[in-house]
Every structure is written in structure tokens, then in C-alpha cells.
Amino acid sequence: MFDRIKIGSRLSMFLLAAAALASVFAVSCRVDTFDTSPCGNASDAIRSFYSFHLGNDMTPSPENLEKRKKYLTDELFKQLSASDSKADYFTASEVFPRTFKIGDCSMKSPDEATVQVQIYWKDDYDTVQKDVLVDTVKRAGEWLVSSVTPDPNSK
């Protein structure tokens, strides 16, 4: 009987220690970025946009474009509204990607930045990366997408 209590106590201590270690590990792996520079703010805005874009229906349509309007300049919204392209403007592809990562950012002026977005397509055999350059401008305190072009240095 006492052996069962010892085993149960040891198991409880082991589980408690494992939970504590897992908590410490989870907190230490989280990467917080507190970049409050203009490039950091522009990158955060582009990250928010691409998270929304890839997390929802990316099929080019007036309804889907309308859902993205708050992230876009009025000029880009009008340009895309007049387009009948079957390719996704924001990924420069007709095949929708799986994920993305924010790359380098460069400032053109205090209210203009270019953010590199690395886009990934993955299947059971390969992962393909293509980069786009997202020009963004700050208007009324918000960073908005003004254009997206394929990165000429992309693979």
C-alpha cells in the first residue's frame, strides 16, 4: 500500500515538474517584437493584412476585395476594382499559398516604406518560396498597402 502512495506521489511530482518546464519553455520560445520604428509599424500592418488575406478566401472577387478595403489605399482599391484578373494580386499567383513571413523593410520617406513578404507554397514533397515587395504609405495614422510587385531578387 505504501508503495502505491510513493509511486503516486512521485508521478504527481514528475507531472508537476514537467508542466513547470513546459511553461518556462513556451514563454522562452515566444518572440516579442516591440519595434516601434516606422519600419516596424509598417511591417506590423503588412503582417496583419497578410494574416487576414491568407486566412480568408483569396479568390479575386468584388466581395473579397471589399473585405480588404481597410488595408488598402483608395487608389489601389479603385485599380483592383477595375481589374478582372484571375490571379491574386497580393501573392502574384493563381495558386494560393499556405503561409508567409515578413522580411526586410526599407523606408523611402517617413510615411513610405517597402516591406518584403516571403510567401510559401507547401505540399507533401516541396516547399516553394516567392517574395513580393509591398509598398505601403502612412495615411491618417494608418499604414496602407499601395502596391505589390514581385521581388526581382526572388528565386
N, C-alpha and C. Protein backbone atom coordinates (compact mmCIF):
# COMPACT_ATOMS: atom_id res chain seq x y z
N MET A 1 0.82 -1.19 0.00
CA MET A 1 0.00 0.00 0.00
C MET A 1 0.87 1.26 0.00
N PHE A 2 1.92 1.25 0.83
CA PHE A 2 2.80 2.42 0.89
C PHE A 2 3.56 2.61 -0.42
N ASP A 3 3.81 1.50 -1.14
CA ASP A 3 4.49 1.61 -2.43
C ASP A 3 3.62 2.35 -3.44
N ARG A 4 2.32 2.10 -3.40
CA ARG A 4 1.41 2.80 -4.32
C ARG A 4 1.39 4.30 -4.03
N ILE A 5 1.42 4.67 -2.77
CA ILE A 5 1.41 6.08 -2.39
C ILE A 5 2.70 6.74 -2.87
N LYS A 6 3.85 6.04 -2.68
CA LYS A 6 5.13 6.59 -3.13
C LYS A 6 5.13 6.77 -4.65
N ILE A 7 4.62 5.77 -5.38
CA ILE A 7 4.58 5.85 -6.85
C ILE A 7 3.67 6.99 -7.28
N GLY A 8 2.50 7.09 -6.65
CA GLY A 8 1.57 8.17 -6.99
C GLY A 8 2.15 9.54 -6.68
N SER A 9 2.85 9.64 -5.57
CA SER A 9 3.48 10.91 -5.19
C SER A 9 4.59 11.28 -6.17
N ARG A 10 5.39 10.29 -6.54
CA ARG A 10 6.46 10.54 -7.50
C ARG A 10 5.89 10.93 -8.87
N LEU A 11 4.85 10.26 -9.27
CA LEU A 11 4.22 10.58 -10.55
C LEU A 11 3.66 12.00 -10.53
N SER A 12 3.03 12.37 -9.43
CA SER A 12 2.49 13.73 -9.30
C SER A 12 3.60 14.77 -9.36
N MET A 13 4.71 14.50 -8.67
CA MET A 13 5.85 15.43 -8.68
C MET A 13 6.45 15.52 -10.08
N PHE A 14 6.54 14.39 -10.78
CA PHE A 14 7.08 14.39 -12.14
C PHE A 14 6.19 15.20 -13.07
N LEU A 15 4.88 14.99 -12.98
CA LEU A 15 3.95 15.73 -13.83
C LEU A 15 3.98 17.22 -13.52
N LEU A 16 4.10 17.57 -12.26
CA LEU A 16 4.17 18.97 -11.86
C LEU A 16 5.45 19.61 -12.40
N ALA A 17 6.56 18.92 -12.29
CA ALA A 17 7.84 19.43 -12.81
C ALA A 17 7.79 19.55 -14.33
N ALA A 18 7.20 18.56 -15.01
CA ALA A 18 7.09 18.61 -16.47
C ALA A 18 6.23 19.79 -16.91
N ALA A 19 5.14 20.04 -16.20
CA ALA A 19 4.27 21.16 -16.53
C ALA A 19 5.00 22.49 -16.32
N ALA A 20 5.77 22.59 -15.25
CA ALA A 20 6.52 23.81 -14.99
C ALA A 20 7.57 24.04 -16.08
N LEU A 21 8.27 22.99 -16.46
CA LEU A 21 9.27 23.12 -17.53
C LEU A 21 8.63 23.48 -18.86
N ALA A 22 7.49 22.89 -19.16
CA ALA A 22 6.79 23.20 -20.41
C ALA A 22 6.37 24.66 -20.44
N SER A 23 5.92 25.18 -19.29
CA SER A 23 5.52 26.59 -19.22
C SER A 23 6.70 27.51 -19.44
N VAL A 24 7.82 27.20 -18.81
CA VAL A 24 9.02 28.02 -18.98
C VAL A 24 9.48 27.96 -20.44
N PHE A 25 9.46 26.77 -21.03
CA PHE A 25 9.88 26.61 -22.42
C PHE A 25 8.97 27.40 -23.35
N ALA A 26 7.67 27.33 -23.15
CA ALA A 26 6.72 28.04 -24.02
C ALA A 26 6.94 29.54 -23.96
N VAL A 27 7.16 30.09 -22.78
CA VAL A 27 7.36 31.52 -22.62
C VAL A 27 8.69 31.93 -23.25
N SER A 28 9.71 31.11 -23.09
CA SER A 28 11.03 31.48 -23.62
C SER A 28 11.08 31.40 -25.14
N CYS A 29 10.21 30.62 -25.77
CA CYS A 29 10.21 30.49 -27.22
C CYS A 29 9.43 31.59 -27.92
N ARG A 30 8.60 32.29 -27.20
CA ARG A 30 7.81 33.36 -27.80
C ARG A 30 8.72 34.53 -28.14
N VAL A 31 8.58 35.04 -29.34
CA VAL A 31 9.41 36.16 -29.77
C VAL A 31 8.52 37.40 -29.83
N ASP A 32 8.77 38.31 -28.93
CA ASP A 32 8.05 39.58 -28.94
C ASP A 32 8.85 40.59 -29.72
N THR A 33 8.19 41.28 -30.61
CA THR A 33 8.86 42.36 -31.33
C THR A 33 8.21 43.65 -30.90
N PHE A 34 9.00 44.49 -30.32
CA PHE A 34 8.50 45.78 -29.87
C PHE A 34 9.15 46.89 -30.67
N ASP A 35 9.21 46.67 -31.97
CA ASP A 35 9.82 47.65 -32.88
C ASP A 35 8.80 48.74 -33.15
N THR A 36 9.00 49.87 -32.53
CA THR A 36 8.06 50.98 -32.70
C THR A 36 8.55 51.98 -33.74
N SER A 37 9.60 51.61 -34.48
CA SER A 37 10.08 52.48 -35.55
C SER A 37 9.05 52.50 -36.67
N PRO A 38 9.14 53.47 -37.58
CA PRO A 38 8.21 53.48 -38.71
C PRO A 38 8.24 52.16 -39.50
N CYS A 39 9.43 51.60 -39.71
CA CYS A 39 9.51 50.33 -40.45
C CYS A 39 8.84 49.20 -39.65
N GLY A 40 9.02 49.22 -38.34
CA GLY A 40 8.36 48.21 -37.51
C GLY A 40 6.85 48.32 -37.58
N ASN A 41 6.34 49.55 -37.56
CA ASN A 41 4.90 49.76 -37.66
C ASN A 41 4.36 49.36 -39.04
N ALA A 42 5.12 49.71 -40.08
CA ALA A 42 4.70 49.33 -41.44
C ALA A 42 4.70 47.80 -41.57
N SER A 43 5.73 47.15 -41.07
CA SER A 43 5.81 45.68 -41.13
C SER A 43 4.66 45.04 -40.37
N ASP A 44 4.32 45.58 -39.20
CA ASP A 44 3.19 45.05 -38.43
C ASP A 44 1.88 45.17 -39.21
N ALA A 45 1.70 46.30 -39.90
CA ALA A 45 0.47 46.50 -40.68
C ALA A 45 0.40 45.49 -41.83
N ILE A 46 1.53 45.26 -42.49
CA ILE A 46 1.56 44.30 -43.59
C ILE A 46 1.35 42.88 -43.06
N ARG A 47 1.92 42.57 -41.90
CA ARG A 47 1.70 41.25 -41.28
C ARG A 47 0.20 41.04 -40.99
N SER A 48 -0.44 42.08 -40.47
CA SER A 48 -1.88 41.98 -40.18
C SER A 48 -2.68 41.75 -41.46
N PHE A 49 -2.31 42.50 -42.50
CA PHE A 49 -3.03 42.34 -43.76
C PHE A 49 -2.85 40.92 -44.32
N TYR A 50 -1.62 40.45 -44.42
CA TYR A 50 -1.39 39.11 -44.99
C TYR A 50 -1.96 38.00 -44.11
N SER A 51 -2.00 38.20 -42.81
CA SER A 51 -2.67 37.22 -41.94
C SER A 51 -4.15 37.14 -42.28
N PHE A 52 -4.76 38.30 -42.45
CA PHE A 52 -6.17 38.33 -42.84
C PHE A 52 -6.36 37.73 -44.23
N HIS A 53 -5.52 38.15 -45.16
CA HIS A 53 -5.67 37.73 -46.56
C HIS A 53 -5.54 36.21 -46.70
N LEU A 54 -4.48 35.64 -46.15
CA LEU A 54 -4.27 34.20 -46.28
C LEU A 54 -5.22 33.39 -45.42
N GLY A 55 -5.77 34.01 -44.40
CA GLY A 55 -6.70 33.32 -43.51
C GLY A 55 -8.14 33.31 -44.00
N ASN A 56 -8.38 33.95 -45.13
CA ASN A 56 -9.74 34.04 -45.68
C ASN A 56 -9.72 33.66 -47.15
N ASP A 57 -10.88 33.70 -47.78
CA ASP A 57 -11.00 33.36 -49.19
C ASP A 57 -10.20 34.37 -50.01
N MET A 58 -9.22 33.88 -50.78
CA MET A 58 -8.35 34.76 -51.55
C MET A 58 -8.78 34.88 -53.01
N THR A 59 -9.86 34.25 -53.39
CA THR A 59 -10.34 34.32 -54.76
C THR A 59 -10.64 35.77 -55.13
N PRO A 60 -10.04 36.27 -56.22
CA PRO A 60 -10.33 37.65 -56.62
C PRO A 60 -11.82 37.83 -56.94
N SER A 61 -12.46 38.68 -56.18
CA SER A 61 -13.87 38.99 -56.42
C SER A 61 -14.17 40.34 -55.77
N PRO A 62 -15.20 41.02 -56.23
CA PRO A 62 -15.56 42.31 -55.62
C PRO A 62 -15.85 42.19 -54.12
N GLU A 63 -16.50 41.09 -53.73
CA GLU A 63 -16.83 40.90 -52.31
C GLU A 63 -15.56 40.73 -51.46
N ASN A 64 -14.63 39.92 -51.95
CA ASN A 64 -13.40 39.69 -51.20
C ASN A 64 -12.51 40.94 -51.18
N LEU A 65 -12.52 41.69 -52.26
CA LEU A 65 -11.75 42.93 -52.29
C LEU A 65 -12.33 43.93 -51.28
N GLU A 66 -13.63 43.99 -51.21
CA GLU A 66 -14.30 44.90 -50.26
C GLU A 66 -13.87 44.58 -48.81
N LYS A 67 -13.70 43.31 -48.49
CA LYS A 67 -13.28 42.90 -47.14
C LYS A 67 -11.85 43.37 -46.84
N ARG A 68 -11.07 43.64 -47.85
CA ARG A 68 -9.67 44.06 -47.68
C ARG A 68 -9.50 45.58 -47.79
N LYS A 69 -10.57 46.28 -48.05
CA LYS A 69 -10.52 47.72 -48.34
C LYS A 69 -9.82 48.52 -47.24
N LYS A 70 -10.03 48.17 -45.99
CA LYS A 70 -9.45 48.96 -44.89
C LYS A 70 -7.93 48.88 -44.85
N TYR A 71 -7.34 47.89 -45.54
CA TYR A 71 -5.89 47.73 -45.58
C TYR A 71 -5.24 48.42 -46.79
N LEU A 72 -6.06 48.92 -47.72
CA LEU A 72 -5.57 49.40 -49.00
C LEU A 72 -5.76 50.91 -49.16
N THR A 73 -4.87 51.52 -49.96
CA THR A 73 -5.09 52.92 -50.31
C THR A 73 -6.31 52.97 -51.23
N ASP A 74 -6.95 54.13 -51.29
CA ASP A 74 -8.10 54.29 -52.17
C ASP A 74 -7.72 54.04 -53.63
N GLU A 75 -6.51 54.49 -54.00
CA GLU A 75 -6.05 54.32 -55.38
C GLU A 75 -5.91 52.84 -55.74
N LEU A 76 -5.31 52.07 -54.85
CA LEU A 76 -5.15 50.63 -55.12
C LEU A 76 -6.50 49.93 -55.14
N PHE A 77 -7.38 50.30 -54.22
CA PHE A 77 -8.71 49.70 -54.21
C PHE A 77 -9.43 49.95 -55.54
N LYS A 78 -9.36 51.18 -56.05
CA LYS A 78 -10.01 51.50 -57.33
C LYS A 78 -9.38 50.73 -58.48
N GLN A 79 -8.04 50.64 -58.47
CA GLN A 79 -7.33 49.90 -59.51
C GLN A 79 -7.74 48.43 -59.52
N LEU A 80 -7.79 47.82 -58.35
CA LEU A 80 -8.15 46.40 -58.27
C LEU A 80 -9.64 46.18 -58.56
N SER A 81 -10.47 47.15 -58.24
CA SER A 81 -11.90 47.04 -58.54
C SER A 81 -12.15 46.98 -60.04
N ALA A 82 -11.30 47.65 -60.81
CA ALA A 82 -11.46 47.68 -62.27
C ALA A 82 -10.81 46.48 -62.96
N SER A 83 -10.08 45.67 -62.21
CA SER A 83 -9.36 44.53 -62.79
C SER A 83 -10.24 43.29 -62.83
N ASP A 84 -10.04 42.47 -63.85
CA ASP A 84 -10.76 41.19 -63.91
C ASP A 84 -9.77 40.02 -63.93
N SER A 85 -8.60 40.23 -63.35
CA SER A 85 -7.56 39.21 -63.30
C SER A 85 -8.00 38.03 -62.44
N LYS A 86 -7.59 36.84 -62.84
CA LYS A 86 -7.88 35.63 -62.07
C LYS A 86 -6.76 35.34 -61.07
N ALA A 87 -5.63 36.05 -61.21
CA ALA A 87 -4.50 35.88 -60.29
C ALA A 87 -4.72 36.74 -59.05
N ASP A 88 -4.26 36.24 -57.93
CA ASP A 88 -4.32 37.00 -56.69
C ASP A 88 -3.25 38.09 -56.74
N TYR A 89 -3.65 39.32 -56.71
CA TYR A 89 -2.74 40.46 -56.80
C TYR A 89 -1.71 40.45 -55.68
N PHE A 90 -2.10 40.07 -54.47
CA PHE A 90 -1.26 40.20 -53.29
C PHE A 90 -0.21 39.10 -53.17
N THR A 91 -0.37 38.02 -53.91
CA THR A 91 0.64 36.95 -53.92
C THR A 91 1.20 36.73 -55.32
N ALA A 92 0.70 37.47 -56.29
CA ALA A 92 1.14 37.36 -57.68
C ALA A 92 1.06 35.91 -58.17
N SER A 93 -0.06 35.27 -57.86
CA SER A 93 -0.21 33.85 -58.22
C SER A 93 -1.69 33.48 -58.35
N GLU A 94 -1.93 32.49 -59.20
CA GLU A 94 -3.28 31.91 -59.29
C GLU A 94 -3.44 30.73 -58.34
N VAL A 95 -2.32 30.26 -57.79
CA VAL A 95 -2.34 29.17 -56.82
C VAL A 95 -2.13 29.80 -55.45
N PHE A 96 -3.04 29.55 -54.53
CA PHE A 96 -2.99 30.22 -53.25
C PHE A 96 -1.93 29.60 -52.34
N PRO A 97 -1.12 30.43 -51.68
CA PRO A 97 -0.05 29.93 -50.81
C PRO A 97 -0.59 29.46 -49.46
N ARG A 98 0.30 28.80 -48.71
CA ARG A 98 -0.07 28.27 -47.40
C ARG A 98 0.27 29.23 -46.27
N THR A 99 1.41 29.93 -46.40
CA THR A 99 1.86 30.78 -45.31
C THR A 99 2.77 31.88 -45.84
N PHE A 100 3.19 32.75 -44.95
CA PHE A 100 4.06 33.86 -45.33
C PHE A 100 4.94 34.24 -44.15
N LYS A 101 5.93 35.05 -44.43
CA LYS A 101 6.80 35.60 -43.40
C LYS A 101 7.20 37.01 -43.83
N ILE A 102 7.27 37.91 -42.88
CA ILE A 102 7.71 39.27 -43.17
C ILE A 102 9.23 39.29 -43.23
N GLY A 103 9.75 39.91 -44.29
CA GLY A 103 11.20 40.02 -44.47
C GLY A 103 11.68 41.42 -44.16
N ASP A 104 12.58 41.90 -44.98
CA ASP A 104 13.20 43.21 -44.77
C ASP A 104 12.23 44.35 -45.02
N CYS A 105 12.53 45.45 -44.38
CA CYS A 105 11.75 46.67 -44.57
C CYS A 105 12.73 47.80 -44.85
N SER A 106 12.36 48.67 -45.77
CA SER A 106 13.18 49.85 -46.03
C SER A 106 12.27 51.06 -46.14
N MET A 107 12.74 52.16 -45.59
CA MET A 107 11.98 53.40 -45.60
C MET A 107 12.34 54.21 -46.84
N LYS A 108 11.33 54.70 -47.54
CA LYS A 108 11.54 55.61 -48.66
C LYS A 108 11.46 57.05 -48.17
N SER A 109 10.59 57.26 -47.19
CA SER A 109 10.40 58.56 -46.54
C SER A 109 9.74 58.26 -45.19
N PRO A 110 9.53 59.25 -44.35
CA PRO A 110 8.90 58.96 -43.05
C PRO A 110 7.50 58.32 -43.17
N ASP A 111 6.83 58.52 -44.31
CA ASP A 111 5.49 57.99 -44.49
C ASP A 111 5.38 56.97 -45.61
N GLU A 112 6.51 56.45 -46.07
CA GLU A 112 6.51 55.45 -47.14
C GLU A 112 7.55 54.37 -46.83
N ALA A 113 7.15 53.13 -46.97
CA ALA A 113 8.07 52.02 -46.72
C ALA A 113 7.79 50.91 -47.73
N THR A 114 8.81 50.08 -47.93
CA THR A 114 8.66 48.87 -48.73
C THR A 114 8.97 47.69 -47.82
N VAL A 115 8.03 46.76 -47.74
CA VAL A 115 8.17 45.58 -46.88
C VAL A 115 8.22 44.34 -47.77
N GLN A 116 9.24 43.53 -47.55
CA GLN A 116 9.36 42.27 -48.28
C GLN A 116 8.48 41.23 -47.57
N VAL A 117 7.70 40.52 -48.38
CA VAL A 117 6.87 39.43 -47.84
C VAL A 117 7.31 38.15 -48.54
N GLN A 118 7.71 37.18 -47.75
CA GLN A 118 8.12 35.87 -48.27
C GLN A 118 6.91 34.96 -48.21
N ILE A 119 6.50 34.47 -49.37
CA ILE A 119 5.28 33.67 -49.47
C ILE A 119 5.68 32.23 -49.76
N TYR A 120 4.99 31.28 -49.12
CA TYR A 120 5.36 29.88 -49.22
C TYR A 120 4.19 29.01 -49.67
N TRP A 121 4.49 28.12 -50.63
CA TRP A 121 3.57 27.08 -51.06
C TRP A 121 4.18 25.77 -50.63
N LYS A 122 3.40 24.92 -50.00
CA LYS A 122 3.93 23.65 -49.49
C LYS A 122 2.99 22.52 -49.84
N ASP A 123 3.59 21.42 -50.30
CA ASP A 123 2.82 20.20 -50.50
C ASP A 123 3.59 19.06 -49.83
N ASP A 124 3.23 17.83 -50.14
CA ASP A 124 3.88 16.69 -49.49
C ASP A 124 5.34 16.54 -49.87
N TYR A 125 5.77 17.18 -50.95
CA TYR A 125 7.12 16.95 -51.46
C TYR A 125 8.01 18.18 -51.44
N ASP A 126 7.46 19.33 -51.65
CA ASP A 126 8.27 20.54 -51.80
C ASP A 126 7.69 21.72 -51.04
N THR A 127 8.59 22.66 -50.76
CA THR A 127 8.19 23.98 -50.29
C THR A 127 8.77 24.98 -51.29
N VAL A 128 7.91 25.83 -51.82
CA VAL A 128 8.34 26.84 -52.79
C VAL A 128 8.16 28.20 -52.16
N GLN A 129 9.18 29.03 -52.29
CA GLN A 129 9.13 30.39 -51.76
C GLN A 129 9.20 31.39 -52.90
N LYS A 130 8.36 32.41 -52.81
CA LYS A 130 8.42 33.53 -53.74
C LYS A 130 8.25 34.79 -52.89
N ASP A 131 9.00 35.82 -53.23
CA ASP A 131 8.94 37.05 -52.45
C ASP A 131 8.24 38.14 -53.25
N VAL A 132 7.50 38.97 -52.54
CA VAL A 132 6.89 40.16 -53.14
C VAL A 132 7.32 41.36 -52.31
N LEU A 133 7.32 42.52 -52.95
CA LEU A 133 7.62 43.77 -52.28
C LEU A 133 6.32 44.56 -52.15
N VAL A 134 5.99 44.90 -50.94
CA VAL A 134 4.75 45.60 -50.66
C VAL A 134 5.09 47.05 -50.32
N ASP A 135 4.66 47.96 -51.18
CA ASP A 135 4.81 49.38 -50.89
C ASP A 135 3.65 49.80 -50.01
N THR A 136 3.98 50.51 -48.97
CA THR A 136 2.97 50.93 -48.01
C THR A 136 3.16 52.41 -47.69
N VAL A 137 2.06 53.09 -47.47
CA VAL A 137 2.10 54.51 -47.14
C VAL A 137 1.30 54.75 -45.87
N LYS A 138 1.71 55.76 -45.13
CA LYS A 138 1.01 56.11 -43.89
C LYS A 138 0.03 57.24 -44.19
N ARG A 139 -1.23 56.96 -43.97
CA ARG A 139 -2.29 57.95 -44.17
C ARG A 139 -3.22 57.94 -42.97
N ALA A 140 -3.46 59.11 -42.45
CA ALA A 140 -4.34 59.28 -41.28
C ALA A 140 -3.91 58.34 -40.15
N GLY A 141 -2.58 58.20 -39.98
CA GLY A 141 -2.04 57.40 -38.88
C GLY A 141 -2.01 55.91 -39.13
N GLU A 142 -2.47 55.44 -40.29
CA GLU A 142 -2.50 54.01 -40.60
C GLU A 142 -1.59 53.70 -41.79
N TRP A 143 -0.90 52.57 -41.71
CA TRP A 143 -0.09 52.10 -42.84
C TRP A 143 -0.98 51.28 -43.76
N LEU A 144 -1.04 51.67 -45.04
CA LEU A 144 -1.90 51.03 -46.03
C LEU A 144 -1.07 50.49 -47.20
N VAL A 145 -1.54 49.41 -47.80
CA VAL A 145 -0.88 48.84 -48.97
C VAL A 145 -1.17 49.74 -50.17
N SER A 146 -0.10 50.17 -50.86
CA SER A 146 -0.29 50.99 -52.05
C SER A 146 0.05 50.24 -53.34
N SER A 147 0.91 49.22 -53.24
CA SER A 147 1.19 48.37 -54.40
C SER A 147 1.94 47.12 -53.96
N VAL A 148 1.85 46.08 -54.79
CA VAL A 148 2.56 44.84 -54.55
C VAL A 148 3.21 44.44 -55.88
N THR A 149 4.51 44.17 -55.83
CA THR A 149 5.23 43.74 -57.03
C THR A 149 6.10 42.54 -56.68
N PRO A 150 6.30 41.64 -57.66
CA PRO A 150 7.22 40.53 -57.40
C PRO A 150 8.62 41.08 -57.12
N ASP A 151 9.31 40.46 -56.17
CA ASP A 151 10.68 40.87 -55.84
C ASP A 151 11.61 40.38 -56.95
N PRO A 152 12.30 41.27 -57.65
CA PRO A 152 13.17 40.83 -58.73
C PRO A 152 14.32 39.95 -58.26
N ASN A 153 14.64 40.01 -56.97
CA ASN A 153 15.72 39.18 -56.42
C ASN A 153 15.22 37.83 -55.91
N SER A 154 13.91 37.58 -56.03
CA SER A 154 13.34 36.33 -55.56
C SER A 154 13.75 35.19 -56.48
N LYS A 155 13.78 34.01 -55.90
CA LYS A 155 14.21 32.82 -56.64
C LYS A 155 13.27 32.47 -57.77
